[in-house]
Amino acid sequence: MHRGSIAWAAMVLFLAVAAGAFGAHGLRGRLSPEALVQWHTAVEYQFYHGLAMLAVVLLSGTIKDLPVKGIARLFLVGVLLFSGSIYLLSTRTLHGWEHAGKVLGPITPIGGLLFLVGWAWLTWSALRPPDAR
């Protein structure tokens, strides 16, 4: 069983709910509408990839030799880099980090790339012939 991957997925989803609630209730009126949209984007992608981590565990019973840990790790690190950097970028005016975009901006696409690699790996694992597994 992939208990570790399930636990990480549950934590990612728990934190997505918390971040969504914080954005809706704690940041409204403190951030610009554009920054709130950015925050919401980070929450959405965190939700999508937390659910994807759970789906990969469930698919491991269907797709023989599915690299659950590898794909789940790509999604997890993707969430940390993609959503994490957007959370920080969207709140940079609150922290006085107006110039943080120069450092954090390039991190966001790296997280997105990790999402893409995870999805590509899942696609490849599902399509490869059974005898290649």
N, C-alpha and C. Protein backbone atom coordinates (compact mmCIF):
# COMPACT_ATOMS: atom_id res chain seq x y z
N MET A 1 0.84 -1.19 0.00
CA MET A 1 0.00 0.00 0.00
C MET A 1 0.88 1.25 0.00
N HIS A 2 0.36 2.31 -0.46
CA HIS A 2 1.09 3.57 -0.60
C HIS A 2 0.62 4.57 0.45
N ARG A 3 0.76 4.20 1.71
CA ARG A 3 0.26 5.03 2.81
C ARG A 3 0.93 6.39 2.85
N GLY A 4 2.23 6.43 2.56
CA GLY A 4 2.94 7.70 2.57
C GLY A 4 2.40 8.67 1.53
N SER A 5 2.15 8.16 0.32
CA SER A 5 1.60 9.01 -0.74
C SER A 5 0.20 9.49 -0.38
N ILE A 6 -0.58 8.63 0.23
CA ILE A 6 -1.93 9.02 0.66
C ILE A 6 -1.84 10.11 1.72
N ALA A 7 -0.92 9.94 2.68
CA ALA A 7 -0.77 10.93 3.75
C ALA A 7 -0.33 12.28 3.19
N TRP A 8 0.62 12.28 2.25
CA TRP A 8 1.07 13.53 1.65
C TRP A 8 -0.07 14.19 0.87
N ALA A 9 -0.83 13.39 0.13
CA ALA A 9 -1.96 13.93 -0.63
C ALA A 9 -2.98 14.55 0.33
N ALA A 10 -3.28 13.86 1.42
CA ALA A 10 -4.24 14.39 2.39
C ALA A 10 -3.75 15.70 2.99
N MET A 11 -2.44 15.80 3.26
CA MET A 11 -1.90 17.04 3.81
C MET A 11 -1.97 18.17 2.79
N VAL A 12 -1.65 17.87 1.53
CA VAL A 12 -1.75 18.88 0.47
C VAL A 12 -3.20 19.39 0.37
N LEU A 13 -4.16 18.48 0.44
CA LEU A 13 -5.56 18.86 0.34
C LEU A 13 -6.04 19.61 1.58
N PHE A 14 -5.60 19.18 2.75
CA PHE A 14 -5.92 19.89 4.00
C PHE A 14 -5.44 21.34 3.91
N LEU A 15 -4.20 21.51 3.48
CA LEU A 15 -3.64 22.86 3.37
C LEU A 15 -4.31 23.68 2.27
N ALA A 16 -4.79 23.02 1.22
CA ALA A 16 -5.52 23.73 0.17
C ALA A 16 -6.83 24.29 0.71
N VAL A 17 -7.52 23.50 1.52
CA VAL A 17 -8.76 23.98 2.13
C VAL A 17 -8.45 25.17 3.05
N ALA A 18 -7.41 25.04 3.85
CA ALA A 18 -7.03 26.12 4.76
C ALA A 18 -6.63 27.38 3.97
N ALA A 19 -5.85 27.21 2.91
CA ALA A 19 -5.43 28.36 2.11
C ALA A 19 -6.62 29.00 1.41
N GLY A 20 -7.55 28.20 0.94
CA GLY A 20 -8.74 28.74 0.31
C GLY A 20 -9.58 29.56 1.28
N ALA A 21 -9.76 29.03 2.48
CA ALA A 21 -10.52 29.76 3.50
C ALA A 21 -9.80 31.03 3.91
N PHE A 22 -8.49 30.94 4.07
CA PHE A 22 -7.71 32.12 4.46
C PHE A 22 -7.80 33.19 3.38
N GLY A 23 -7.71 32.79 2.13
CA GLY A 23 -7.82 33.74 1.03
C GLY A 23 -9.18 34.41 0.99
N ALA A 24 -10.22 33.61 1.21
CA ALA A 24 -11.58 34.15 1.13
C ALA A 24 -11.93 35.04 2.31
N HIS A 25 -11.40 34.72 3.47
CA HIS A 25 -11.81 35.44 4.68
C HIS A 25 -10.71 36.32 5.27
N GLY A 26 -9.48 35.88 5.21
CA GLY A 26 -8.40 36.62 5.84
C GLY A 26 -7.71 37.63 4.95
N LEU A 27 -7.78 37.41 3.64
CA LEU A 27 -7.06 38.30 2.73
C LEU A 27 -7.97 39.28 1.99
N ARG A 28 -9.25 39.01 1.98
CA ARG A 28 -10.19 39.91 1.30
C ARG A 28 -10.10 41.29 1.95
N GLY A 29 -9.94 42.29 1.13
CA GLY A 29 -9.81 43.65 1.63
C GLY A 29 -8.38 44.04 1.95
N ARG A 30 -7.50 43.06 2.03
CA ARG A 30 -6.09 43.34 2.31
C ARG A 30 -5.24 43.24 1.05
N LEU A 31 -5.76 42.50 0.07
CA LEU A 31 -5.05 42.33 -1.20
C LEU A 31 -5.88 42.92 -2.33
N SER A 32 -5.21 43.26 -3.41
CA SER A 32 -5.91 43.74 -4.59
C SER A 32 -6.73 42.60 -5.20
N PRO A 33 -7.75 42.92 -5.98
CA PRO A 33 -8.50 41.85 -6.66
C PRO A 33 -7.60 40.95 -7.51
N GLU A 34 -6.60 41.55 -8.16
CA GLU A 34 -5.68 40.76 -8.98
C GLU A 34 -4.88 39.78 -8.10
N ALA A 35 -4.41 40.23 -6.96
CA ALA A 35 -3.64 39.36 -6.06
C ALA A 35 -4.52 38.24 -5.51
N LEU A 36 -5.79 38.54 -5.24
CA LEU A 36 -6.71 37.49 -4.76
C LEU A 36 -6.95 36.44 -5.84
N VAL A 37 -7.01 36.87 -7.10
CA VAL A 37 -7.14 35.92 -8.21
C VAL A 37 -5.90 35.02 -8.27
N GLN A 38 -4.73 35.61 -8.10
CA GLN A 38 -3.49 34.82 -8.08
C GLN A 38 -3.53 33.80 -6.94
N TRP A 39 -3.95 34.23 -5.76
CA TRP A 39 -4.04 33.33 -4.61
C TRP A 39 -4.98 32.18 -4.94
N HIS A 40 -6.13 32.51 -5.53
CA HIS A 40 -7.11 31.49 -5.88
C HIS A 40 -6.53 30.50 -6.90
N THR A 41 -5.74 30.98 -7.84
CA THR A 41 -5.09 30.09 -8.82
C THR A 41 -4.18 29.10 -8.10
N ALA A 42 -3.42 29.58 -7.14
CA ALA A 42 -2.53 28.70 -6.38
C ALA A 42 -3.34 27.63 -5.64
N VAL A 43 -4.45 28.03 -5.04
CA VAL A 43 -5.31 27.08 -4.32
C VAL A 43 -5.86 26.03 -5.29
N GLU A 44 -6.33 26.48 -6.45
CA GLU A 44 -6.89 25.54 -7.44
C GLU A 44 -5.86 24.48 -7.84
N TYR A 45 -4.67 24.92 -8.20
CA TYR A 45 -3.66 23.96 -8.63
C TYR A 45 -3.23 23.04 -7.49
N GLN A 46 -3.24 23.55 -6.29
CA GLN A 46 -2.93 22.70 -5.14
C GLN A 46 -4.01 21.62 -4.99
N PHE A 47 -5.27 22.01 -5.13
CA PHE A 47 -6.35 21.03 -5.07
C PHE A 47 -6.22 20.00 -6.18
N TYR A 48 -6.05 20.46 -7.42
CA TYR A 48 -5.96 19.54 -8.54
C TYR A 48 -4.88 18.49 -8.32
N HIS A 49 -3.74 18.93 -7.85
CA HIS A 49 -2.62 18.00 -7.76
C HIS A 49 -2.64 17.18 -6.47
N GLY A 50 -3.30 17.66 -5.44
CA GLY A 50 -3.56 16.81 -4.28
C GLY A 50 -4.48 15.66 -4.65
N LEU A 51 -5.53 15.99 -5.40
CA LEU A 51 -6.44 14.94 -5.88
C LEU A 51 -5.73 14.01 -6.86
N ALA A 52 -4.86 14.56 -7.68
CA ALA A 52 -4.10 13.73 -8.62
C ALA A 52 -3.21 12.74 -7.86
N MET A 53 -2.63 13.18 -6.76
CA MET A 53 -1.80 12.28 -5.96
C MET A 53 -2.64 11.09 -5.47
N LEU A 54 -3.85 11.36 -5.01
CA LEU A 54 -4.74 10.27 -4.59
C LEU A 54 -5.12 9.39 -5.76
N ALA A 55 -5.40 9.99 -6.91
CA ALA A 55 -5.77 9.22 -8.09
C ALA A 55 -4.65 8.27 -8.51
N VAL A 56 -3.42 8.73 -8.42
CA VAL A 56 -2.28 7.89 -8.80
C VAL A 56 -2.23 6.65 -7.90
N VAL A 57 -2.49 6.84 -6.61
CA VAL A 57 -2.51 5.69 -5.69
C VAL A 57 -3.62 4.73 -6.10
N LEU A 58 -4.80 5.26 -6.40
CA LEU A 58 -5.91 4.40 -6.81
C LEU A 58 -5.63 3.68 -8.12
N LEU A 59 -4.97 4.37 -9.05
CA LEU A 59 -4.64 3.76 -10.34
C LEU A 59 -3.57 2.68 -10.23
N SER A 60 -2.84 2.68 -9.13
CA SER A 60 -1.77 1.68 -8.99
C SER A 60 -2.34 0.27 -8.96
N GLY A 61 -3.61 0.12 -8.62
CA GLY A 61 -4.24 -1.19 -8.66
C GLY A 61 -4.65 -1.59 -10.07
N THR A 62 -4.73 -0.63 -10.97
CA THR A 62 -5.15 -0.88 -12.35
C THR A 62 -3.96 -0.94 -13.30
N ILE A 63 -3.00 -0.06 -13.10
CA ILE A 63 -1.82 0.00 -13.97
C ILE A 63 -0.66 -0.67 -13.24
N LYS A 64 -0.29 -1.83 -13.75
CA LYS A 64 0.78 -2.60 -13.11
C LYS A 64 2.09 -1.81 -13.15
N ASP A 65 2.83 -1.85 -12.05
CA ASP A 65 4.14 -1.19 -11.92
C ASP A 65 4.07 0.32 -12.12
N LEU A 66 2.94 0.92 -11.76
CA LEU A 66 2.83 2.37 -11.85
C LEU A 66 3.79 3.00 -10.82
N PRO A 67 4.64 3.92 -11.26
CA PRO A 67 5.60 4.54 -10.34
C PRO A 67 4.93 5.58 -9.44
N VAL A 68 4.13 5.11 -8.50
CA VAL A 68 3.32 5.98 -7.65
C VAL A 68 4.17 7.01 -6.93
N LYS A 69 5.22 6.55 -6.26
CA LYS A 69 6.03 7.48 -5.47
C LYS A 69 6.67 8.56 -6.34
N GLY A 70 7.16 8.18 -7.50
CA GLY A 70 7.82 9.14 -8.37
C GLY A 70 6.86 10.21 -8.88
N ILE A 71 5.70 9.77 -9.35
CA ILE A 71 4.71 10.71 -9.86
C ILE A 71 4.17 11.58 -8.73
N ALA A 72 3.87 10.96 -7.59
CA ALA A 72 3.35 11.73 -6.45
C ALA A 72 4.37 12.76 -5.97
N ARG A 73 5.64 12.41 -5.99
CA ARG A 73 6.68 13.36 -5.59
C ARG A 73 6.77 14.53 -6.56
N LEU A 74 6.64 14.26 -7.85
CA LEU A 74 6.63 15.35 -8.83
C LEU A 74 5.47 16.30 -8.56
N PHE A 75 4.30 15.75 -8.28
CA PHE A 75 3.14 16.60 -7.98
C PHE A 75 3.35 17.36 -6.68
N LEU A 76 3.90 16.71 -5.67
CA LEU A 76 4.12 17.37 -4.38
C LEU A 76 5.11 18.53 -4.50
N VAL A 77 6.25 18.28 -5.13
CA VAL A 77 7.24 19.35 -5.29
C VAL A 77 6.70 20.43 -6.22
N GLY A 78 5.91 20.01 -7.22
CA GLY A 78 5.26 20.99 -8.09
C GLY A 78 4.34 21.91 -7.30
N VAL A 79 3.57 21.35 -6.37
CA VAL A 79 2.70 22.17 -5.52
C VAL A 79 3.54 23.14 -4.69
N LEU A 80 4.60 22.62 -4.09
CA LEU A 80 5.44 23.48 -3.25
C LEU A 80 6.01 24.65 -4.06
N LEU A 81 6.51 24.37 -5.25
CA LEU A 81 7.13 25.42 -6.06
C LEU A 81 6.09 26.30 -6.76
N PHE A 82 5.12 25.69 -7.40
CA PHE A 82 4.13 26.46 -8.16
C PHE A 82 3.21 27.23 -7.22
N SER A 83 2.43 26.50 -6.44
CA SER A 83 1.48 27.17 -5.56
C SER A 83 2.19 27.99 -4.49
N GLY A 84 3.25 27.43 -3.92
CA GLY A 84 3.98 28.16 -2.88
C GLY A 84 4.51 29.49 -3.36
N SER A 85 5.09 29.51 -4.54
CA SER A 85 5.62 30.78 -5.06
C SER A 85 4.50 31.77 -5.37
N ILE A 86 3.36 31.27 -5.85
CA ILE A 86 2.24 32.17 -6.13
C ILE A 86 1.66 32.72 -4.83
N TYR A 87 1.57 31.88 -3.79
CA TYR A 87 1.10 32.39 -2.49
C TYR A 87 1.99 33.55 -2.04
N LEU A 88 3.29 33.36 -2.14
CA LEU A 88 4.23 34.40 -1.71
C LEU A 88 4.15 35.63 -2.63
N LEU A 89 4.08 35.40 -3.92
CA LEU A 89 3.99 36.53 -4.86
C LEU A 89 2.71 37.34 -4.66
N SER A 90 1.61 36.66 -4.43
CA SER A 90 0.34 37.38 -4.31
C SER A 90 0.25 38.18 -3.01
N THR A 91 1.03 37.82 -2.01
CA THR A 91 0.99 38.53 -0.72
C THR A 91 2.24 39.38 -0.48
N ARG A 92 3.04 39.57 -1.50
CA ARG A 92 4.31 40.29 -1.29
C ARG A 92 4.13 41.72 -0.82
N THR A 93 3.03 42.37 -1.17
CA THR A 93 2.82 43.74 -0.68
C THR A 93 2.54 43.76 0.82
N LEU A 94 1.95 42.70 1.34
CA LEU A 94 1.70 42.62 2.79
C LEU A 94 2.99 42.47 3.57
N HIS A 95 3.98 41.82 2.96
CA HIS A 95 5.24 41.52 3.64
C HIS A 95 6.33 42.54 3.32
N GLY A 96 6.04 43.44 2.41
CA GLY A 96 7.07 44.40 2.00
C GLY A 96 8.11 43.79 1.08
N TRP A 97 7.70 42.75 0.36
CA TRP A 97 8.61 42.05 -0.56
C TRP A 97 8.27 42.41 -2.01
N GLU A 98 8.09 43.67 -2.30
CA GLU A 98 7.66 44.09 -3.63
C GLU A 98 8.59 43.59 -4.74
N HIS A 99 9.86 43.44 -4.44
CA HIS A 99 10.82 43.02 -5.46
C HIS A 99 11.04 41.50 -5.47
N ALA A 100 10.24 40.78 -4.70
CA ALA A 100 10.39 39.32 -4.63
C ALA A 100 10.08 38.63 -5.95
N GLY A 101 9.37 39.31 -6.84
CA GLY A 101 9.03 38.71 -8.13
C GLY A 101 10.25 38.32 -8.94
N LYS A 102 11.34 39.05 -8.75
CA LYS A 102 12.57 38.73 -9.48
C LYS A 102 13.12 37.37 -9.06
N VAL A 103 12.92 37.00 -7.81
CA VAL A 103 13.41 35.72 -7.30
C VAL A 103 12.34 34.64 -7.44
N LEU A 104 11.12 34.98 -7.00
CA LEU A 104 10.05 33.98 -6.97
C LEU A 104 9.42 33.72 -8.33
N GLY A 105 9.40 34.71 -9.19
CA GLY A 105 8.78 34.57 -10.51
C GLY A 105 9.30 33.37 -11.30
N PRO A 106 10.61 33.17 -11.37
CA PRO A 106 11.13 32.02 -12.11
C PRO A 106 10.85 30.66 -11.47
N ILE A 107 10.49 30.65 -10.19
CA ILE A 107 10.22 29.38 -9.50
C ILE A 107 8.87 28.80 -9.94
N THR A 108 7.91 29.67 -10.19
CA THR A 108 6.56 29.21 -10.55
C THR A 108 6.56 28.28 -11.77
N PRO A 109 7.21 28.65 -12.88
CA PRO A 109 7.19 27.74 -14.03
C PRO A 109 7.94 26.43 -13.80
N ILE A 110 8.90 26.42 -12.88
CA ILE A 110 9.56 25.15 -12.56
C ILE A 110 8.55 24.20 -11.93
N GLY A 111 7.72 24.72 -11.02
CA GLY A 111 6.66 23.90 -10.44
C GLY A 111 5.70 23.42 -11.50
N GLY A 112 5.33 24.30 -12.43
CA GLY A 112 4.45 23.90 -13.53
C GLY A 112 5.06 22.83 -14.41
N LEU A 113 6.36 22.93 -14.63
CA LEU A 113 7.06 21.91 -15.41
C LEU A 113 7.02 20.56 -14.70
N LEU A 114 7.17 20.56 -13.38
CA LEU A 114 7.09 19.31 -12.62
C LEU A 114 5.70 18.69 -12.73
N PHE A 115 4.65 19.53 -12.73
CA PHE A 115 3.30 19.01 -12.96
C PHE A 115 3.23 18.32 -14.32
N LEU A 116 3.75 18.98 -15.34
CA LEU A 116 3.71 18.41 -16.69
C LEU A 116 4.48 17.10 -16.78
N VAL A 117 5.65 17.04 -16.15
CA VAL A 117 6.44 15.81 -16.17
C VAL A 117 5.67 14.69 -15.47
N GLY A 118 5.02 15.01 -14.35
CA GLY A 118 4.21 14.00 -13.65
C GLY A 118 3.08 13.47 -14.51
N TRP A 119 2.37 14.38 -15.18
CA TRP A 119 1.28 13.95 -16.06
C TRP A 119 1.81 13.15 -17.25
N ALA A 120 2.93 13.56 -17.81
CA ALA A 120 3.52 12.82 -18.93
C ALA A 120 3.95 11.42 -18.49
N TRP A 121 4.53 11.32 -17.30
CA TRP A 121 4.96 10.03 -16.78
C TRP A 121 3.76 9.11 -16.56
N LEU A 122 2.68 9.67 -16.04
CA LEU A 122 1.46 8.88 -15.85
C LEU A 122 0.92 8.42 -17.20
N THR A 123 0.90 9.31 -18.18
CA THR A 123 0.44 8.95 -19.52
C THR A 123 1.29 7.83 -20.10
N TRP A 124 2.61 7.99 -20.03
CA TRP A 124 3.51 6.97 -20.56
C TRP A 124 3.31 5.64 -19.84
N SER A 125 3.14 5.66 -18.53
CA SER A 125 2.94 4.43 -17.76
C SER A 125 1.65 3.72 -18.16
N ALA A 126 0.62 4.51 -18.46
CA ALA A 126 -0.67 3.92 -18.83
C ALA A 126 -0.65 3.34 -20.25
N LEU A 127 0.15 3.94 -21.14
CA LEU A 127 0.12 3.53 -22.53
C LEU A 127 1.16 2.48 -22.92
N ARG A 128 2.16 2.29 -22.08
CA ARG A 128 3.18 1.32 -22.48
C ARG A 128 2.57 -0.09 -22.45
N PRO A 129 3.03 -0.93 -23.35
CA PRO A 129 2.47 -2.28 -23.47
C PRO A 129 2.67 -3.07 -22.18
N PRO A 130 1.71 -3.95 -21.87
CA PRO A 130 1.79 -4.75 -20.65
C PRO A 130 3.08 -5.57 -20.55
N ASP A 131 3.60 -6.05 -21.67
CA ASP A 131 4.82 -6.86 -21.62
C ASP A 131 6.05 -6.01 -21.32
N ALA A 132 5.95 -4.70 -21.47
CA ALA A 132 7.08 -3.80 -21.17
C ALA A 132 7.12 -3.48 -19.69
N ARG A 133 6.12 -3.88 -18.97
CA ARG A 133 6.07 -3.59 -17.54
C ARG A 133 6.73 -4.70 -16.82
